Protein backbone atom coordinates (compact mmCIF):
# COMPACT_ATOMS: atom_id res chain seq x y z
CA MET A 1 0.00 0.00 0.00
CA ILE A 2 1.91 2.98 -1.31
CA PHE A 3 0.31 5.98 0.40
CA LEU A 4 -1.61 4.32 3.22
CA TYR A 5 0.86 5.45 5.88
CA SER A 6 2.06 8.72 4.33
CA LEU A 7 -0.45 10.74 6.31
CA ILE A 8 0.18 9.10 9.66
CA VAL A 9 1.89 11.36 12.16
CA SER A 10 5.50 10.31 12.60
CA SER A 11 5.31 10.04 16.37
CA ILE A 12 2.45 7.50 16.33
CA ALA A 13 3.16 4.05 17.71
CA LEU A 14 0.96 1.30 16.34
CA ALA A 15 -0.29 -1.38 18.72
CA GLN A 16 -2.39 -4.49 18.23
CA THR A 17 -5.67 -4.20 20.08
CA ASN A 18 -9.39 -4.40 19.55
CA PRO A 19 -11.05 -1.64 17.49
CA PRO A 20 -12.34 1.28 19.62
CA GLU A 21 -15.97 2.19 19.76
CA SER A 22 -17.08 4.76 17.23
CA ILE A 23 -16.80 8.34 18.46
CA ILE A 24 -18.69 11.11 16.69
CA GLU A 25 -17.74 14.61 17.74
CA GLU A 26 -19.62 17.81 17.15
CA ILE A 27 -17.85 20.72 15.46
CA THR A 28 -18.39 24.17 16.93
CA LEU A 29 -17.17 27.03 14.76
CA ASP A 30 -13.88 25.82 13.26
CA GLN A 31 -12.69 23.48 16.01
CA VAL A 32 -13.87 20.29 17.64
CA SER A 33 -15.67 21.07 20.88
CA SER A 34 -15.66 17.54 22.33
CA GLU A 35 -12.73 16.13 24.30
CA HIS A 36 -13.43 12.44 23.60
CA GLU A 37 -10.40 10.26 23.01
CA ILE A 38 -9.85 6.79 21.64
CA PRO A 39 -7.87 4.91 24.30
CA THR A 40 -5.11 3.53 22.11
CA THR A 41 -3.93 3.72 18.54
CA TYR A 42 -4.06 0.44 16.73
CA PHE A 43 -3.56 -1.24 13.39
CA SER A 44 -5.52 -4.30 12.43
CA GLU A 45 -6.59 -6.17 9.35
CA LEU A 46 -9.74 -4.04 9.21
CA TYR A 47 -8.41 -0.48 9.31
CA SER A 48 -5.72 1.73 10.81
CA VAL A 49 -6.17 4.80 13.00
CA SER A 50 -3.73 7.71 13.28
CA LYS A 51 -3.38 10.05 16.27
CA ASN A 52 -1.55 13.30 16.83
CA ASP A 53 0.88 14.12 19.64
CA GLN A 54 -2.03 14.87 21.97
CA GLY A 55 -3.52 11.42 21.42
CA LYS A 56 -6.38 12.71 19.25
CA VAL A 57 -7.51 10.85 16.14
CA VAL A 58 -6.55 12.68 12.94
CA ALA A 59 -7.10 9.99 10.30
CA PHE A 60 -8.26 6.46 9.64
CA SER A 61 -7.80 4.35 6.55
CA PHE A 62 -8.28 0.94 4.96
CA SER A 63 -7.78 -0.74 1.57
CA ASN A 64 -9.65 -2.99 -0.81
CA ASN A 65 -7.04 -5.53 -1.89
CA GLY A 66 -9.37 -7.86 -3.80
CA VAL A 67 -10.11 -10.24 -5.26
CA ASN A 68 -13.65 -8.88 -5.80
CA LYS A 69 -15.76 -6.82 -8.17
CA ILE A 70 -13.67 -3.66 -7.70
CA ILE A 71 -10.23 -5.33 -7.58
CA PRO A 72 -10.59 -8.18 -10.09
CA LYS A 73 -7.11 -9.66 -9.78
CA GLU A 74 -4.87 -10.70 -6.92
CA THR A 75 -2.90 -7.92 -5.24
CA VAL A 76 0.88 -7.92 -5.04
CA ILE A 77 1.82 -6.00 -1.89
CA GLY A 78 3.31 -2.65 -2.87
CA GLU A 79 2.46 -3.11 -6.54
CA GLY A 80 -1.35 -3.14 -6.65
CA PRO A 81 -3.96 -3.30 -7.79
CA GLU A 82 -5.82 -1.91 -4.80
CA ARG A 83 -8.11 0.94 -3.74
CA GLU A 84 -7.24 2.92 -0.62
CA PHE A 85 -9.70 4.98 1.46
CA ASN A 86 -8.22 7.59 3.80
CA PHE A 87 -10.46 9.80 5.95
CA ASN A 88 -8.21 12.67 6.99
CA MET A 89 -8.97 15.45 9.50
CA PRO A 90 -5.82 17.58 10.00
CA GLU A 91 -5.69 19.42 13.33
CA ARG A 92 -9.20 18.10 13.99
CA ALA A 93 -10.63 21.28 12.49
CA ARG A 94 -13.41 21.46 9.93
CA GLN A 95 -11.30 23.32 7.38
CA ASN A 96 -9.51 20.40 5.72
CA ILE A 97 -11.64 17.30 6.45
CA ILE A 98 -11.27 15.18 3.33
CA LEU A 99 -11.83 11.69 1.93
CA MET A 100 -8.92 10.55 -0.23
CA VAL A 101 -9.48 7.63 -2.59
CA THR A 102 -6.32 6.29 -4.25
CA ASP A 103 -6.50 3.71 -7.01
CA VAL A 104 -3.19 1.84 -7.25
CA PRO A 105 -2.95 0.06 -10.61
CA SER A 106 0.81 -0.59 -10.32
CA ALA A 107 3.90 0.15 -8.23
CA LYS A 108 4.66 3.35 -10.19
CA LEU A 109 3.84 6.54 -8.29
CA SER A 110 3.12 8.34 -11.56
CA GLU A 111 0.27 5.89 -12.22
CA LEU A 112 -1.63 6.50 -8.97
CA MET A 113 -5.18 7.70 -9.60
CA GLU A 114 -6.06 10.21 -6.89
CA THR A 115 -9.64 11.26 -6.12
CA TYR A 116 -10.41 13.62 -3.23
CA PHE A 117 -13.86 14.38 -1.83
CA MET A 118 -14.94 17.14 0.55
CA ILE A 119 -18.40 16.60 2.03
CA PHE A 120 -20.67 19.37 3.34
CA PRO A 121 -22.03 20.52 5.69
CA ARG A 122 -19.12 19.76 8.04
CA GLN A 123 -20.92 19.06 11.30
CA VAL A 124 -18.94 16.21 12.88
CA LEU A 125 -15.58 14.54 12.58
CA PRO A 126 -15.62 11.36 10.49
CA ALA A 127 -16.03 8.24 12.62
CA ILE A 128 -15.70 4.51 12.00
CA ARG A 129 -17.29 1.47 13.58
CA THR A 130 -17.98 -2.18 12.77
CA GLU A 131 -21.32 -3.98 12.91
CA GLU A 132 -21.32 -7.69 12.13
CA SER A 133 -20.22 -7.95 8.47
CA LYS A 134 -20.02 -4.19 7.90
CA ILE A 135 -17.68 -1.25 8.39
CA ILE A 136 -19.74 1.93 8.79
CA VAL A 137 -18.20 5.36 8.35
CA THR A 138 -20.00 8.49 9.52
CA LEU A 139 -19.29 11.36 7.14
CA PRO A 140 -18.86 15.02 8.18
CA ASN A 141 -22.49 15.77 7.29
CA ARG A 142 -23.73 12.84 9.48
CA GLU A 143 -24.59 10.62 6.54
CA GLU A 144 -23.03 7.16 6.45
CA VAL A 145 -21.21 5.03 3.92
CA ILE A 146 -21.24 1.27 4.44
CA TYR A 147 -18.47 -1.13 3.44
CA ASN A 148 -18.24 -4.90 3.36
CA LYS A 149 -15.99 -5.66 6.33
CA ASP A 150 -14.05 -8.35 4.50
CA SER A 151 -13.67 -6.93 1.00
CA LYS A 152 -13.84 -3.18 1.78
CA GLU A 153 -16.27 -2.69 -1.12
CA ILE A 154 -18.93 0.02 -0.72
CA ILE A 155 -22.28 -1.70 -0.25
CA GLY A 156 -24.59 1.11 0.86
CA GLY A 157 -25.08 4.60 2.22
CA ALA A 158 -24.24 7.95 0.66
CA PHE A 159 -21.68 6.64 -1.85
CA LYS A 160 -21.79 3.84 -4.41
CA GLU A 161 -19.10 2.09 -6.43
CA GLY A 162 -19.55 1.15 -10.07
CA ALA A 163 -16.95 -0.23 -12.45
CA PRO A 164 -13.78 -2.02 -11.27
CA ILE A 165 -10.46 -0.20 -10.96
CA ASP A 166 -9.17 0.64 -14.44
CA LEU A 167 -6.10 -1.46 -15.25
CA GLY A 168 -5.90 -0.56 -18.94
CA PRO A 169 -2.44 -0.54 -20.54
CA ASP A 170 -2.45 3.19 -21.34
CA ARG A 171 -2.20 5.07 -18.05
CA PHE A 172 -3.32 8.32 -19.65
CA LYS A 173 -6.62 6.75 -20.69
CA ARG A 174 -7.39 5.12 -17.34
CA LYS A 175 -10.54 6.35 -15.65
CA PHE A 176 -10.64 7.61 -12.08
CA ALA A 177 -12.51 5.75 -9.36
CA ASP A 178 -16.11 5.11 -10.36
CA ILE A 179 -17.47 6.34 -7.04
CA THR A 180 -20.64 8.41 -6.99
CA TYR A 181 -22.10 10.48 -4.17
CA THR A 182 -25.83 9.73 -3.72
CA GLY A 183 -26.55 11.65 -0.51
CA ASN A 184 -28.32 14.93 0.17
CA GLY A 185 -25.36 17.14 1.00
CA LEU A 186 -22.91 19.00 -1.21
CA VAL A 187 -19.72 17.32 -2.39
CA LEU A 188 -16.56 18.64 -4.02
CA ARG A 189 -14.63 16.14 -6.15
CA VAL A 190 -11.20 16.57 -7.72
CA ASP A 191 -9.10 14.00 -9.63
CA ARG A 192 -5.47 13.83 -10.73
CA ARG A 193 -2.88 11.27 -11.76
CA GLY A 194 0.18 10.86 -9.56
CA GLU A 195 -0.09 14.21 -7.73
CA ASP A 196 -2.17 16.11 -5.21
CA PRO A 197 -5.36 16.87 -7.16
CA ARG A 198 -5.99 20.08 -5.22
CA ILE A 199 -3.04 21.84 -6.89
CA GLY A 200 -2.99 23.17 -10.44
CA ALA A 201 -3.49 26.64 -11.87
CA GLN A 202 -5.44 25.41 -14.87
CA LYS A 203 -7.33 22.61 -13.10
CA THR A 204 -10.88 22.53 -11.75
CA ALA A 205 -12.91 20.72 -9.12
CA THR A 206 -16.54 19.70 -9.55
CA ALA A 207 -19.24 20.56 -7.02
CA PHE A 208 -22.29 18.24 -6.87
CA TYR A 209 -25.54 19.16 -5.17
CA GLN A 210 -28.96 17.61 -5.71
CA ASN A 211 -28.49 16.61 -9.36
CA GLN A 212 -26.63 19.81 -10.15
CA LYS A 213 -22.92 20.16 -10.87
CA CYS A 214 -20.53 23.04 -11.30
CA LYS A 215 -16.85 23.38 -12.29
CA ILE A 216 -14.71 25.59 -10.00
CA PRO A 217 -11.04 26.58 -10.49
CA LEU A 218 -8.80 24.99 -7.87
CA ASN A 219 -7.24 28.31 -6.91
CA LYS A 220 -10.69 29.50 -5.80
CA LEU A 221 -10.91 26.58 -3.36
CA TRP A 222 -7.41 25.75 -2.06
CA GLU A 223 -4.22 27.65 -1.37
CA GLN A 224 -1.77 26.87 -4.15
CA ASP A 225 1.49 27.67 -2.35
CA GLY A 226 2.81 26.05 0.81
CA GLU A 227 0.14 24.34 2.90
CA VAL A 228 -2.78 23.20 0.76
CA ASN A 229 -5.51 24.62 2.99
CA PHE A 230 -9.14 24.90 1.97
CA LEU A 231 -10.00 28.58 1.64
CA PHE A 232 -13.32 28.35 3.52
CA PRO A 233 -13.02 27.43 7.24
CA THR A 234 -16.77 27.80 7.77
CA ASP A 235 -19.68 26.28 5.86
CA ALA A 236 -21.55 29.59 5.79
CA ALA A 237 -18.72 31.29 3.88
CA PHE A 238 -18.38 28.36 1.48
CA PHE A 239 -22.11 28.13 0.80
CA ALA A 240 -22.22 31.86 0.07
CA PHE A 241 -19.38 31.34 -2.42
CA ILE A 242 -21.20 28.36 -3.97
CA LYS A 243 -24.38 30.40 -4.37
CA LYS A 244 -22.49 33.18 -6.12
CA THR A 245 -20.35 30.87 -8.27
CA CYS A 246 -22.72 28.00 -9.07
CA GLY A 247 -26.17 29.25 -8.17
CA PHE A 248 -26.75 26.42 -5.67
CA GLU A 249 -29.05 27.24 -2.76
CA VAL A 250 -27.45 25.01 -0.13
CA LYS A 251 -29.30 24.58 3.15
CA ILE A 252 -27.41 23.88 6.38
CA SER A 253 -29.23 21.28 8.41
CA SER A 254 -28.62 19.65 11.79
CA ASN A 255 -30.80 16.68 10.83
CA PRO A 256 -28.78 13.48 10.27
CA SER A 257 -30.77 12.79 7.10
CA LEU A 258 -30.17 16.34 5.85
């Protein structure tokens, strides 16, 4: 798994233990108001959890290594094919909460297919739990996405998977992850081969909201020099921008079903 550990804080020690209970934390203004902690960081066959120096969770991740509908051939460790899901929440603030999906068709970094999602409104930190044969992830807008616990395929909730990972011989013709948002919130999606998809003067992201979509230049959404921070720490400011730029009338709701 090429990038699975690249976002884990260097000081984290990984220990074998049972998965913690899911913890969903409210966001007040730009910071997390709750002081809940997961007792210990761990890495298991199901998923890994990353914590910062204060012992707070800042990311969790897992991979679909096949063989299944999405990954149709056996994985060679470090060489693919596989699909990685990383739910990242830097500094535990709402500003940069992001879902990173990396398709790994081969061992070459230049062939990685990166897809990033930002999900709005940002009301809670992402959380993860297991129930029988499922892994259930709570998204920032309180919707859920459900994975098969064994295969890590999406089987329900606010996202769906379609076609298998593209392993075609021409890397420039390969398609990005066939993952579609089906929920009621607003989603930003950006794709790029082999590099951070949030960076690029001539590139755009796509906003999706209730069967509408809108292209937005990346430099209107993320800083392009130094730290790649999202330019809108609050949902209110971002929704005002979306209304002006795309014409979407986005409603902020505290209802879990939006």
